[in-house]
Protein backbone atom coordinates (compact mmCIF):
# COMPACT_ATOMS: atom_id res chain seq x y z
CA MET A 1 43.71 -16.75 21.36
CA THR A 2 45.67 -19.13 23.60
CA ILE A 3 48.30 -18.58 26.30
CA ILE A 4 50.24 -21.34 28.05
CA LYS A 5 53.27 -21.80 30.26
CA TYR A 6 55.56 -24.53 28.98
CA GLN A 7 59.09 -25.91 28.75
CA ILE A 8 61.18 -27.00 25.77
CA TYR A 9 63.81 -29.70 26.33
CA GLY A 10 62.96 -29.34 30.04
CA LYS A 11 63.99 -25.67 30.02
CA ASN A 12 61.99 -22.48 30.57
CA SER A 13 63.90 -20.62 27.84
CA VAL A 14 61.27 -21.40 25.21
CA GLY A 15 62.26 -18.37 23.12
CA VAL A 16 65.74 -19.80 22.60
CA TYR A 17 64.35 -22.75 20.67
CA LEU A 18 61.15 -21.43 19.07
CA THR A 19 60.13 -18.44 16.99
CA VAL A 20 56.80 -17.20 15.64
CA ASN A 21 55.37 -14.27 13.71
CA ASN A 22 51.91 -13.51 12.34
CA SER A 23 52.43 -15.83 9.35
CA PHE A 24 54.19 -18.94 10.69
CA GLY A 25 56.45 -20.39 13.36
CA LEU A 26 59.55 -22.58 13.49
CA TYR A 27 60.57 -25.28 15.95
CA PRO A 28 63.63 -27.57 16.22
CA SER A 29 63.29 -30.66 14.06
CA THR A 30 64.41 -32.85 16.99
CA LEU A 31 61.38 -32.06 19.17
CA LEU A 32 59.19 -35.01 20.08
CA LYS A 33 55.78 -35.28 18.45
CA PRO A 34 53.72 -34.57 21.63
CA VAL A 35 55.68 -31.34 22.19
CA VAL A 36 55.16 -30.26 18.57
CA GLU A 37 51.44 -30.97 18.87
CA LYS A 38 51.27 -28.85 22.02
CA ILE A 39 53.02 -25.93 20.30
CA ARG A 40 50.76 -26.18 17.26
CA SER A 41 47.66 -26.22 19.49
CA VAL A 42 48.52 -22.75 20.79
CA PHE A 43 48.87 -20.92 17.47
CA LYS A 44 46.55 -20.83 14.47
CA GLU A 45 49.58 -20.16 12.24
CA PRO A 46 51.41 -23.20 10.80
CA PHE A 47 54.60 -24.37 12.54
CA TYR A 48 57.46 -25.99 10.64
CA PRO A 49 60.52 -28.04 11.70
CA MET A 50 63.86 -26.31 11.21
CA SER A 51 67.53 -26.31 12.15
CA ILE A 52 70.30 -23.77 11.63
CA ASN A 53 73.62 -25.46 10.84
CA ASN A 54 72.23 -28.50 12.71
CA SER A 55 71.52 -26.35 15.79
CA ASN A 56 68.25 -26.37 17.74
CA LEU A 57 68.67 -22.69 18.73
CA ILE A 58 66.11 -21.40 16.22
CA GLY A 59 65.05 -18.44 18.36
CA VAL A 60 68.65 -17.34 18.86
CA TYR A 61 69.75 -17.46 15.23
CA THR A 62 66.64 -16.17 13.45
CA VAL A 63 64.35 -13.17 13.58
CA SER A 64 61.27 -12.57 11.44
CA ASN A 65 58.04 -10.73 10.86
CA LYS A 66 55.17 -11.33 8.42
CA TYR A 67 57.24 -9.91 5.55
CA GLY A 68 60.59 -11.64 5.91
CA ALA A 69 63.10 -13.62 7.95
CA ILE A 70 66.77 -13.00 8.72
CA VAL A 71 69.08 -16.02 9.03
CA PRO A 72 72.87 -16.34 9.51
CA HIS A 73 75.35 -17.30 6.80
CA ILE A 74 76.17 -20.51 8.69
CA ILE A 75 72.82 -21.96 7.61
CA ARG A 76 73.25 -25.00 5.38
CA GLU A 77 71.99 -24.81 1.81
CA ASP A 78 69.39 -27.53 2.38
CA GLU A 79 68.11 -25.73 5.50
CA LEU A 80 67.86 -22.44 3.60
CA GLN A 81 65.94 -24.10 0.78
CA GLN A 82 63.63 -25.70 3.32
CA LEU A 83 62.84 -22.30 4.85
CA LYS A 84 62.24 -20.80 1.42
CA ASN A 85 59.88 -23.64 0.60
CA TYR A 86 57.92 -23.00 3.79
CA SER A 87 57.60 -19.32 3.00
CA LYS A 88 56.39 -20.03 -0.55
CA GLU A 89 53.49 -22.02 0.89
CA LEU A 90 52.30 -18.86 2.60
CA ASN A 91 53.35 -15.91 0.50
CA ASN A 92 55.28 -15.79 -2.76
CA GLY A 93 56.62 -12.37 -1.81
CA TYR A 94 58.10 -13.48 1.51
CA GLN A 95 61.77 -12.58 1.83
CA VAL A 96 64.53 -14.70 3.38
CA GLY A 97 67.68 -12.67 3.98
CA VAL A 98 71.03 -14.28 4.72
CA LEU A 99 73.37 -11.92 6.59
CA ASN A 100 77.09 -12.56 6.23
CA SER A 101 77.80 -11.16 9.69
CA LEU A 102 80.27 -12.58 12.22
CA ASP A 103 77.74 -11.64 14.92
CA ASN A 104 74.91 -13.95 13.96
CA ALA A 105 72.62 -14.42 16.97
CA PHE A 106 69.99 -12.33 15.20
CA GLY A 107 67.23 -13.17 17.68
CA ASN A 108 69.32 -11.28 20.24
CA LEU A 109 70.62 -8.55 17.94
CA ILE A 110 67.32 -7.53 16.29
CA LEU A 111 63.98 -6.52 17.81
CA CYS A 112 61.17 -6.28 15.27
CA ASN A 113 57.48 -6.53 14.59
CA ASP A 114 55.46 -5.80 11.43
CA LYS A 115 55.85 -2.04 11.90
CA GLY A 116 59.51 -1.41 12.75
CA ALA A 117 62.87 -2.87 13.71
CA ILE A 118 65.60 -1.97 16.17
CA ILE A 119 69.05 -3.40 15.50
CA SER A 120 72.35 -3.56 17.37
CA SER A 121 75.27 -1.37 16.32
CA PHE A 122 77.02 -4.66 15.52
CA LEU A 123 74.72 -4.87 12.48
CA LYS A 124 74.88 -1.25 11.33
CA ASP A 125 76.60 -2.25 8.08
CA TYR A 126 73.65 -4.55 7.31
CA LYS A 127 70.89 -2.04 8.07
CA GLU A 128 69.78 -1.67 4.45
CA GLN A 129 69.63 -5.43 3.87
CA ILE A 130 67.65 -5.94 7.07
CA GLU A 131 65.25 -3.17 6.08
CA ASP A 132 64.78 -4.65 2.59
CA THR A 133 64.09 -8.10 4.04
CA LEU A 134 61.75 -7.17 6.87
CA LYS A 135 60.14 -4.32 4.88
CA VAL A 136 59.97 -1.98 7.89
CA GLU A 137 61.81 1.12 9.04
CA THR A 138 65.00 -0.10 10.69
CA VAL A 139 66.86 1.93 13.32
CA VAL A 140 70.22 1.31 14.97
CA TYR A 141 69.44 1.87 18.64
CA GLU A 142 70.82 0.43 21.87
CA PHE A 143 69.34 1.02 25.30
CA ILE A 144 70.46 0.44 28.90
CA ASN A 145 73.99 0.37 27.42
CA ASN A 146 73.26 -3.08 25.99
CA TYR A 147 74.05 -4.19 22.43
CA LEU A 148 71.37 -6.92 22.35
CA PRO A 149 68.01 -5.14 21.82
CA GLY A 150 66.33 -8.37 20.75
CA SER A 151 67.45 -10.22 23.86
CA ILE A 152 66.22 -7.70 26.42
CA SER A 153 62.81 -7.08 24.84
CA LEU A 154 59.65 -8.87 23.70
CA THR A 155 57.20 -7.42 21.21
CA ASN A 156 54.25 -7.99 18.90
CA ASN A 157 52.31 -5.37 16.93
CA LYS A 158 50.29 -4.26 19.96
CA GLY A 159 52.82 -3.89 22.75
CA CYS A 160 56.41 -4.26 23.87
CA LEU A 161 58.12 -5.27 27.12
CA VAL A 162 61.68 -4.14 27.83
CA HIS A 163 64.43 -4.62 30.41
CA PRO A 164 63.55 -3.18 33.86
CA LEU A 165 66.48 -0.73 33.71
CA ALA A 166 65.18 1.05 30.59
CA THR A 167 64.57 4.76 31.14
CA ASP A 168 61.38 6.63 30.29
CA GLU A 169 63.17 8.31 27.39
CA GLU A 170 64.39 4.98 26.01
CA ILE A 171 60.92 3.47 26.37
CA GLU A 172 59.40 6.35 24.42
CA ILE A 173 61.94 5.96 21.59
CA ILE A 174 61.34 2.20 21.37
CA SER A 175 57.60 2.76 21.28
CA GLU A 176 57.93 5.26 18.42
CA ILE A 177 60.14 2.94 16.34
CA LEU A 178 57.95 -0.15 16.79
CA LYS A 179 54.70 1.86 16.68
CA VAL A 180 53.11 -0.05 19.55
CA GLU A 181 50.16 1.05 21.67
CA GLU A 182 51.51 -0.24 24.99
CA ILE A 183 55.04 -0.54 26.38
CA ASP A 184 56.36 -1.30 29.84
CA VAL A 185 59.24 -2.94 31.69
CA SER A 186 59.10 -6.56 32.79
CA THR A 187 60.98 -9.78 33.45
CA VAL A 188 60.28 -13.46 32.73
CA ASN A 189 60.79 -16.73 34.63
CA ARG A 190 61.09 -15.22 38.11
CA GLY A 191 63.06 -12.08 37.42
CA ILE A 192 65.11 -12.82 34.32
CA PRO A 193 65.45 -9.58 32.26
CA TYR A 194 66.23 -11.37 28.96
CA LEU A 195 62.62 -11.34 27.89
CA SER A 196 62.81 -12.94 24.45
CA SER A 197 64.49 -16.03 25.91
CA GLY A 198 61.45 -16.75 28.05
CA ALA A 199 58.56 -16.44 25.60
CA ILE A 200 57.35 -16.46 22.02
CA VAL A 201 54.37 -14.32 21.01
CA ASN A 202 52.50 -12.98 18.06
CA ASP A 203 49.38 -10.80 17.98
CA GLN A 204 47.05 -13.60 19.04
CA SER A 205 48.82 -16.13 21.25
CA GLY A 206 51.92 -16.91 23.28
CA ILE A 207 54.00 -19.56 25.00
CA PHE A 208 55.78 -18.48 28.18
CA GLY A 209 58.39 -20.17 30.32
CA PHE A 210 56.94 -22.39 33.04
CA GLU A 211 58.62 -20.31 35.78
CA CYS A 212 56.89 -17.06 34.83
CA THR A 213 55.15 -15.76 37.95
CA GLY A 214 51.56 -14.55 38.17
CA PRO A 215 52.56 -10.86 38.26
CA GLU A 216 54.92 -11.38 35.29
CA MET A 217 52.18 -13.10 33.30
CA MET A 218 49.72 -10.36 34.14
CA ARG A 219 52.07 -7.65 32.93
CA LEU A 220 53.21 -9.54 29.83
CA THR A 221 49.73 -10.45 28.64
CA ASN A 222 48.25 -7.03 29.45
CA VAL A 223 50.90 -5.08 27.55
CA LEU A 224 50.93 -7.48 24.59
CA MET A 225 47.09 -7.56 24.68
CA LEU A 226 46.90 -11.34 24.65
């Protein structure tokens, strides 16, 4: 179990560029070797280089759990094949779902762990495909009048952090869908409420933006049980 504060491309928004689940992680193929080695030192799961339509915004465009990954239709064929090859190394049953949605920042539009998924109303027509890919109960639910549940939350299988304006009722609903033991409100990087932009976590480890304060780190790590 390892926890660090770090920057990617000199920015604290580590969750914009990286993604991880309990099977593997992805990082931009343009990252320098020392940065890649640092990322790999944090997680016991393998990390692979990736791009989405030549973009480094891996955490914005993709969302995944240990059963499957969702990627946008703008992904190039060679990139898609690369991701499928990675998944075959780990699990022959791993699903890679390509959603033909105009709204394709799936890291912002979908909040999921290995137990449940919450999706934006923008993706309601793709609910069944998302459920089939991630192999978890999938619910269309938006809170604090925001259509980006993945952007304003951060979760693993143990806990979940949500936007500070979330109500007690909303928090209870989110907890029931994701089936987590702990849930609370928080921010990252000195008060930013877009939690997934400032961190990547799985059940064992995490990388957090360098500007995360002591109180933020305490709350984040306690709720996620890291």
